[in-house]
Protein backbone atom coordinates (compact mmCIF):
# COMPACT_ATOMS: atom_id res chain seq x y z
CA MET A 1 -26.77 5.51 -5.10
CA SER A 2 -26.50 3.11 -8.04
CA ALA A 3 -23.23 1.80 -9.45
CA MET A 4 -23.59 4.11 -12.44
CA ASP A 5 -24.12 7.15 -10.20
CA ARG A 6 -20.64 6.62 -8.72
CA HIS A 7 -19.13 7.02 -12.18
CA GLU A 8 -21.13 10.07 -13.29
CA GLN A 9 -18.08 12.34 -13.47
CA ALA A 10 -16.12 9.82 -15.56
CA TYR A 11 -18.99 9.48 -18.06
CA THR A 12 -19.30 13.25 -18.36
CA TYR A 13 -15.57 13.92 -18.74
CA CYS A 14 -15.22 11.30 -21.47
CA ALA A 15 -18.37 12.39 -23.30
CA PHE A 16 -17.13 15.97 -23.59
CA CYS A 17 -13.51 15.07 -24.33
CA PRO A 18 -12.21 15.66 -27.89
CA LYS A 19 -11.22 11.99 -28.19
CA LEU A 20 -7.62 12.53 -27.11
CA CYS A 21 -7.16 8.87 -26.12
CA ARG A 22 -8.70 7.51 -29.34
CA PHE A 23 -5.58 5.50 -30.19
CA SER A 24 -5.29 3.87 -26.76
CA CYS A 25 -8.31 1.56 -26.83
CA PRO A 26 -7.36 -1.90 -28.14
CA VAL A 27 -10.93 -2.69 -29.16
CA SER A 28 -11.51 0.42 -31.25
CA GLU A 29 -8.07 0.05 -32.86
CA ALA A 30 -8.87 -3.55 -33.78
CA THR A 31 -12.34 -2.77 -35.13
CA HIS A 32 -11.75 0.75 -36.53
CA THR A 33 -15.16 1.62 -35.10
CA GLU A 34 -15.76 5.03 -33.53
CA SER A 35 -18.70 3.85 -31.45
CA LEU A 36 -16.39 1.34 -29.75
CA SER A 37 -13.71 3.90 -28.92
CA THR A 38 -13.36 5.03 -25.31
CA TRP A 39 -15.21 8.21 -26.21
CA GLY A 40 -17.99 6.31 -28.02
CA LYS A 41 -18.58 3.82 -25.22
CA MET A 42 -18.46 6.38 -22.45
CA THR A 43 -20.68 8.78 -24.37
CA ALA A 44 -23.26 6.02 -24.72
CA ALA A 45 -22.98 5.41 -20.97
CA HIS A 46 -23.34 9.14 -20.29
CA LEU A 47 -26.52 9.31 -22.39
CA VAL A 48 -27.98 6.32 -20.54
CA ALA A 49 -27.02 7.79 -17.17
CA THR A 50 -28.68 11.11 -17.98
CA GLY A 51 -31.83 9.48 -19.37
CA LYS A 52 -31.22 10.62 -22.96
CA ARG A 53 -30.84 7.13 -24.40
CA GLU A 54 -32.40 3.77 -23.70
CA LEU A 55 -30.10 0.93 -22.80
CA ASP A 56 -30.86 -0.89 -26.06
CA ASP A 57 -29.04 -3.86 -27.58
CA SER A 58 -26.60 -1.63 -29.47
CA THR A 59 -25.59 0.22 -26.32
CA ALA A 60 -25.34 -3.05 -24.40
CA ARG A 61 -22.94 -4.36 -27.03
CA ALA A 62 -20.87 -1.19 -26.86
CA VAL A 63 -20.37 -1.25 -23.09
CA HIS A 64 -19.24 -4.89 -23.36
CA ALA A 65 -16.60 -3.94 -25.94
CA CYS A 66 -14.03 -3.21 -23.23
CA THR A 67 -11.34 -5.47 -21.78
CA GLY A 68 -10.94 -3.30 -18.67
CA CYS A 69 -7.24 -3.05 -19.51
CA GLY A 70 -6.93 0.53 -18.21
CA ARG A 71 -4.66 1.67 -21.05
CA CYS A 72 -6.83 4.70 -21.79
CA LYS A 73 -6.31 5.89 -18.20
CA SER A 74 -2.56 6.10 -18.84
CA PHE A 75 -3.20 8.73 -21.51
CA CYS A 76 -6.03 10.57 -19.74
CA LYS A 77 -5.32 13.91 -18.06
CA HIS A 78 -8.14 13.21 -15.61
CA GLU A 79 -7.14 9.54 -15.10
CA ASN A 80 -10.68 8.37 -15.74
CA THR A 81 -11.29 4.74 -14.78
CA VAL A 82 -13.21 3.64 -17.86
CA GLY A 83 -13.32 -0.13 -17.30
CA PRO A 84 -15.11 -0.02 -13.92
CA ALA A 85 -17.44 2.69 -15.27
CA LEU A 86 -18.48 0.53 -18.21
CA PHE A 87 -18.76 -2.58 -16.03
CA ALA A 88 -21.25 -0.59 -13.93
CA VAL A 89 -23.43 -0.13 -17.03
CA ARG A 90 -23.22 -3.88 -17.60
CA GLU A 91 -25.01 -4.28 -14.27
CA GLN A 92 -28.00 -2.59 -15.87
CA THR A 93 -27.88 -4.97 -18.85
CA VAL A 94 -28.08 -7.90 -16.43
CA LYS A 95 -31.19 -6.40 -14.86
CA SER A 96 -32.78 -5.54 -18.22
CA GLY A 97 -31.88 -8.91 -19.75
CA ASN A 98 -30.18 -7.58 -22.89
CA GLN A 99 -26.56 -8.44 -22.19
CA PRO A 100 -24.65 -10.23 -24.99
CA LYS A 101 -25.05 -14.01 -25.14
CA GLY A 102 -21.43 -14.65 -24.13
CA ALA A 103 -21.81 -12.66 -20.92
CA ALA A 104 -25.19 -14.24 -20.13
CA SER A 105 -23.86 -17.77 -20.63
CA THR A 106 -20.88 -16.99 -18.40
CA LEU A 107 -23.20 -15.93 -15.60
CA SER A 108 -25.35 -19.02 -16.11
CA THR A 109 -22.31 -21.31 -15.85
CA PHE A 110 -21.04 -19.46 -12.80
CA THR A 111 -24.39 -19.76 -11.06
CA GLN A 112 -24.35 -23.52 -11.59
CA ALA A 113 -20.67 -24.28 -10.92
CA GLN A 114 -19.37 -21.26 -8.97
CA ASN A 115 -16.74 -20.74 -11.67
CA PRO A 116 -16.87 -19.64 -15.33
CA PHE A 117 -15.71 -22.95 -16.83
CA GLY A 118 -18.07 -25.55 -15.37
CA PRO A 119 -15.85 -28.35 -13.96
CA GLU A 120 -15.95 -28.83 -10.21
CA LEU A 121 -12.70 -27.24 -9.02
CA ALA A 122 -12.30 -29.05 -5.70
CA ALA A 123 -11.40 -32.31 -7.44
CA LEU A 124 -8.78 -30.52 -9.55
CA VAL A 125 -7.28 -28.90 -6.46
CA ALA A 126 -7.18 -32.23 -4.61
CA SER A 127 -5.01 -33.70 -7.37
CA TRP A 128 -2.30 -31.16 -6.46
CA ARG A 129 -1.96 -32.16 -2.81
CA SER A 130 1.65 -31.60 -1.77
CA GLU A 131 3.59 -34.44 -0.15
CA THR A 132 6.23 -32.11 1.28
CA PRO A 133 6.07 -28.92 3.40
CA VAL A 134 5.52 -25.67 1.50
CA ARG A 135 6.27 -22.06 2.34
CA TYR A 136 3.52 -20.42 0.32
CA PRO A 137 -0.04 -21.62 -0.32
CA LEU A 138 -0.62 -21.18 -4.05
CA PHE A 139 -3.80 -19.84 -5.66
CA PRO A 140 -3.45 -20.68 -9.39
CA GLY A 141 -6.82 -19.33 -10.53
CA CYS A 142 -9.61 -21.14 -12.38
CA SER A 143 -8.01 -20.52 -15.75
CA SER A 144 -4.84 -22.42 -14.87
CA LEU A 145 -6.65 -25.19 -13.02
CA VAL A 146 -8.94 -25.92 -15.95
CA LYS A 147 -7.01 -24.76 -19.02
CA ALA A 148 -3.30 -24.90 -18.11
CA PRO A 149 -2.45 -27.41 -15.37
CA GLN A 150 1.10 -27.68 -16.72
CA LEU A 151 1.59 -24.07 -15.63
CA ILE A 152 0.86 -25.05 -12.03
CA GLU A 153 3.53 -27.74 -12.16
CA ASP A 154 5.98 -25.25 -13.69
CA THR A 155 5.29 -22.80 -10.86
CA ILE A 156 5.79 -25.43 -8.17
CA VAL A 157 9.10 -26.57 -9.70
CA VAL A 158 10.40 -23.00 -10.06
CA SER A 159 9.34 -21.94 -6.57
CA LYS A 160 11.18 -24.91 -5.06
CA ALA A 161 14.31 -24.04 -7.05
CA PHE A 162 14.09 -20.46 -5.72
CA GLY A 163 13.91 -21.67 -2.11
CA ALA A 164 10.29 -20.53 -1.79
CA PRO A 165 8.34 -23.79 -2.23
CA MET A 166 4.64 -23.45 -3.08
CA GLY A 167 1.76 -25.89 -2.91
CA VAL A 168 -1.78 -25.51 -4.20
CA SER A 169 -4.04 -24.17 -1.48
CA ARG A 170 -7.44 -25.67 -0.73
CA MET A 171 -8.78 -22.14 -1.25
CA ALA A 172 -7.93 -22.56 -4.93
CA SER A 173 -11.23 -24.39 -5.38
CA ARG A 174 -12.99 -21.02 -4.98
CA CYS A 175 -13.03 -18.69 -7.99
CA CYS A 176 -11.96 -15.13 -7.16
CA GLY A 177 -15.19 -13.91 -8.77
CA TYR A 178 -13.76 -11.69 -11.53
CA PRO A 179 -16.20 -13.07 -14.16
CA LEU A 180 -19.15 -11.91 -12.04
CA TYR A 181 -17.61 -8.44 -11.78
CA ALA A 182 -16.81 -8.18 -15.49
CA ALA A 183 -20.26 -9.43 -16.47
CA GLY A 184 -21.96 -6.78 -14.33
CA SER A 185 -23.48 -9.16 -11.77
CA HIS A 186 -22.28 -6.95 -8.97
CA ASP A 187 -24.62 -8.01 -6.17
CA ALA A 188 -23.58 -11.62 -6.74
CA PHE A 189 -19.93 -10.54 -6.92
CA ARG A 190 -20.14 -8.75 -3.58
CA ASP A 191 -21.71 -11.80 -1.93
CA HIS A 192 -19.08 -14.05 -3.50
CA ALA A 193 -16.26 -11.77 -2.33
CA ARG A 194 -17.60 -11.75 1.22
CA ALA A 195 -17.80 -15.55 1.24
CA ASN A 196 -14.22 -15.79 -0.03
CA ALA A 197 -13.04 -13.31 2.61
CA ALA A 198 -14.62 -15.43 5.33
CA ALA A 199 -13.03 -18.59 3.95
CA LEU A 200 -9.63 -16.89 3.81
CA GLU A 201 -9.64 -15.66 7.39
CA SER A 202 -7.41 -18.52 8.53
CA VAL A 203 -4.96 -18.07 5.62
CA PRO A 204 -2.29 -15.48 6.54
CA GLU A 205 -0.63 -15.35 3.12
CA LEU A 206 -1.49 -16.40 -0.43
CA ALA A 207 0.68 -16.50 -3.55
CA VAL A 208 -1.53 -15.87 -6.59
CA LEU A 209 -0.46 -17.03 -10.03
CA ASP A 210 -3.08 -15.35 -12.22
CA PRO A 211 -2.66 -11.54 -12.21
CA GLY A 212 -6.39 -11.12 -12.80
CA CYS A 213 -7.16 -12.97 -9.59
CA ALA A 214 -4.57 -10.99 -7.62
CA TYR A 215 -6.00 -7.74 -8.99
CA THR A 216 -9.52 -8.82 -8.05
CA PHE A 217 -8.47 -9.68 -4.48
CA LYS A 218 -6.34 -6.58 -3.93
CA VAL A 219 -8.16 -3.87 -5.90
CA VAL A 220 -11.72 -4.87 -6.79
CA TYR A 221 -12.71 -6.41 -3.45
CA PRO A 222 -11.99 -3.17 -1.52
CA GLU A 223 -14.00 -1.20 -4.11
CA PHE A 224 -16.98 -3.36 -3.09
CA GLY A 225 -16.31 -2.91 0.61
CA VAL A 226 -14.59 -6.27 1.14
CA GLN A 227 -11.23 -6.22 2.90
CA LEU A 228 -9.14 -9.38 3.06
CA LYS A 229 -7.06 -10.10 6.14
CA THR A 230 -4.88 -12.35 3.99
CA ASN A 231 -1.66 -10.91 2.58
CA VAL A 232 -2.19 -11.49 -1.14
CA ARG A 233 0.96 -11.48 -3.26
CA THR A 234 1.64 -12.45 -6.84
CA VAL A 235 3.89 -15.39 -7.62
CA VAL A 236 6.03 -13.02 -9.66
CA GLU A 237 6.79 -10.74 -6.72
CA VAL A 238 7.51 -13.68 -4.39
CA LEU A 239 9.98 -15.17 -6.88
CA GLU A 240 11.66 -11.82 -7.53
CA GLU A 241 12.20 -11.37 -3.79
CA ASN A 242 13.85 -14.79 -3.72
CA LEU A 243 15.92 -14.30 -6.87
CA SER A 244 19.14 -14.31 -4.83
CA HIS A 245 18.36 -17.92 -3.89
CA ALA A 246 17.82 -19.02 -7.49
CA PRO A 247 20.26 -21.46 -9.09
CA GLN A 248 23.37 -20.00 -10.66
CA LYS A 249 22.64 -21.02 -14.23
CA PRO A 250 23.80 -19.55 -17.55
CA GLU A 251 21.20 -17.59 -19.50
CA LEU A 252 19.19 -19.41 -22.11
CA PRO A 253 20.50 -18.34 -25.56
CA GLU A 254 17.20 -16.75 -26.57
CA THR A 255 15.69 -13.35 -27.26
CA VAL A 256 12.08 -12.99 -26.16
CA GLY A 257 9.50 -10.23 -26.28
CA TYR A 258 7.88 -9.38 -22.96
CA HIS A 259 4.20 -8.47 -22.73
CA ASP A 260 3.13 -6.33 -19.76
CA ALA A 261 -0.05 -8.09 -18.65
CA CYS A 262 -2.65 -5.41 -17.89
CA HIS A 263 -3.69 -6.54 -14.41
CA LEU A 264 -0.10 -7.25 -13.35
CA GLY A 265 1.26 -3.99 -14.70
CA ARG A 266 -1.33 -1.20 -14.74
CA GLY A 267 -3.46 -3.01 -12.17
CA LEU A 268 -0.81 -3.86 -9.57
CA GLY A 269 2.19 -1.81 -10.69
CA GLN A 270 4.45 -4.84 -11.12
CA TYR A 271 6.64 -3.98 -14.07
CA ASP A 272 10.15 -4.50 -12.75
CA GLN A 273 9.69 -7.88 -11.04
CA PRO A 274 9.01 -9.96 -14.17
CA ARG A 275 11.76 -8.16 -16.08
CA LYS A 276 14.29 -8.95 -13.37
CA LEU A 277 13.33 -12.62 -13.54
CA LEU A 278 13.56 -12.63 -17.33
CA SER A 279 16.93 -10.88 -17.39
CA ARG A 280 18.42 -13.74 -15.36
CA ALA A 281 16.89 -16.43 -17.53
CA VAL A 282 17.42 -15.32 -21.14
CA PHE A 283 20.07 -13.62 -23.24
CA ALA A 284 17.93 -10.63 -24.27
CA VAL A 285 14.45 -9.18 -23.81
CA HIS A 286 12.87 -7.26 -26.69
CA GLU A 287 10.69 -4.35 -25.63
CA ALA A 288 7.74 -3.12 -27.68
CA ALA A 289 7.35 0.53 -28.65
CA SER A 290 4.70 0.91 -25.94
CA ILE A 291 5.48 -0.71 -22.60
CA ARG A 292 4.71 -0.52 -18.88
CA SER A 293 1.75 1.80 -18.18
CA GLU A 294 1.35 2.45 -21.91
CA GLY A 295 1.68 -1.19 -22.94
CA GLY A 296 -0.88 -2.89 -25.14
CA CYS A 297 -3.57 -5.42 -24.27
CA SER A 298 -3.88 -9.10 -25.21
CA GLY A 299 -7.68 -8.92 -25.51
CA GLY A 300 -8.32 -11.50 -22.79
CA GLY A 301 -10.02 -9.37 -20.12
CA GLY A 302 -13.50 -8.02 -19.55
CA LEU A 303 -15.14 -11.17 -21.02
CA LEU A 304 -14.25 -9.91 -24.51
CA PRO A 305 -13.24 -13.41 -25.70
CA ARG A 306 -16.80 -14.52 -24.89
CA THR A 307 -18.76 -11.50 -26.09
CA MET A 308 -16.65 -10.54 -29.15
CA PRO A 309 -14.31 -13.49 -29.80
CA GLU A 310 -13.07 -12.43 -33.23
CA VAL A 311 -12.26 -8.94 -31.99
CA ALA A 312 -10.43 -10.38 -28.97
CA VAL A 313 -8.22 -12.46 -31.26
CA GLU A 314 -7.46 -9.44 -33.44
CA VAL A 315 -6.50 -7.43 -30.35
CA ALA A 316 -4.13 -10.25 -29.38
CA ARG A 317 -2.67 -10.47 -32.90
CA ARG A 318 -1.89 -6.76 -33.00
CA GLN A 319 -0.25 -6.83 -29.57
CA ALA A 320 1.79 -9.93 -30.38
CA MET A 321 3.13 -8.27 -33.52
CA GLU A 322 4.24 -5.26 -31.50
CA VAL A 323 5.87 -7.29 -28.75
CA ALA A 324 7.57 -9.79 -31.05
CA PRO A 325 7.63 -8.48 -34.64
CA GLU A 326 10.19 -11.04 -35.83
CA GLN A 327 9.26 -14.67 -36.39
CA ASP A 328 12.04 -16.09 -34.21
CA ILE A 329 11.12 -13.96 -31.18
CA LYS A 330 8.64 -15.62 -28.83
CA VAL A 331 6.20 -13.67 -26.68
CA VAL A 332 6.58 -14.13 -22.92
CA THR A 333 3.80 -13.12 -20.54
CA ALA A 334 3.04 -13.64 -16.86
CA CYS A 335 -0.68 -13.98 -17.57
CA PRO A 336 -2.12 -17.40 -18.53
CA THR A 337 -5.09 -15.80 -20.28
CA SER A 338 -2.79 -13.63 -22.39
CA LYS A 339 -0.76 -16.66 -23.39
CA ARG A 340 -3.88 -18.41 -24.65
CA MET A 341 -4.96 -15.30 -26.54
CA PHE A 342 -1.60 -14.93 -28.29
CA GLU A 343 -1.66 -18.55 -29.36
CA ARG A 344 -5.24 -18.22 -30.59
CA ALA A 345 -3.91 -15.36 -32.70
CA GLY A 346 -1.24 -17.65 -34.15
CA LYS A 347 1.81 -16.41 -32.21
CA LYS A 348 3.96 -18.87 -30.28
CA SER A 349 4.20 -17.72 -26.70
CA TYR A 350 5.59 -18.80 -23.34
CA ASP A 351 4.31 -18.28 -19.86
CA LEU A 352 7.02 -16.76 -17.68
CA MET A 353 6.86 -19.75 -15.30
CA ALA A 354 7.43 -22.23 -18.13
CA LEU A 355 10.46 -20.30 -19.33
CA LEU A 356 11.88 -20.04 -15.81
CA ARG A 357 11.46 -23.78 -15.39
CA ARG A 358 13.47 -24.44 -18.55
CA TRP A 359 16.15 -22.16 -17.16
CA VAL A 360 16.41 -23.72 -13.69
CA GLU A 361 16.45 -27.19 -15.21
CA SER A 362 18.99 -26.36 -17.92
């Protein structure tokens, strides 16, 4: 059975649906393009799966126009998992050689460096060697190691203040493999996941900073038959459990808008934990019209910033305006990729860890 065969029912249900979730797809809302709506993309996949359409360049582009955010599932009576179904079609574009350039270049970089960015991660991890004992080994994720090292320092400072000190794990030099999964290189992803599982056998617990990495470990690995023995937890849930040990500090006199990161919220069901942390740190939290399972997407997932960069920025701009419609309200997110997307869209934003650090040091 091929990857697409496992999603046959989802393709069929979406193809014959009267577009009831049309408004929920961040890509189609940003582009105003019917062929890039959930219905349009899944109909194209259905036609390919049933042999009624060739997997041409236009169809390949359509199935890559998905962040995998899962928002459409929140409004679907059948709870169709559209992201994984479209990622399965991407596997065919890898084999046929007509995937978008951004996805192809990501796979090329990953093949050479074992991560999507290129720099050798082991040297970056070594620079974070802890000089004091730690309670939790920290897995920041490639994105933070390469793009946002300050975020790692913020996390370490905050975790120590909460009585749950963290230090960067040697395992952090290994990418979780999400880019392989999102690009459709599923055989390589499965092999990578198995290698990571073997390397993690001696690690009983891991605190993961990037929600996308935590989601990959906890949700995607099992879907590919890989079970980790390691207890994978997000940094957010570890800190929330230790909130009673946090410093007794006055709230920062700020109002912020909170963005429910897709993998943290819909992916892992962690909605309350970041809000509890925020409520201790700031005066007020502004909530968008659509939150939690119905919350919007920042446009950073599914390789969209690499395959359709302008669309990804527009998705981020629209979400930032909903979360923080007033100029003096800053967006706060627990996802480093989302933070970068909001700032690419011109909206000042904070990572939750950076805000918590300002609070504990105030």
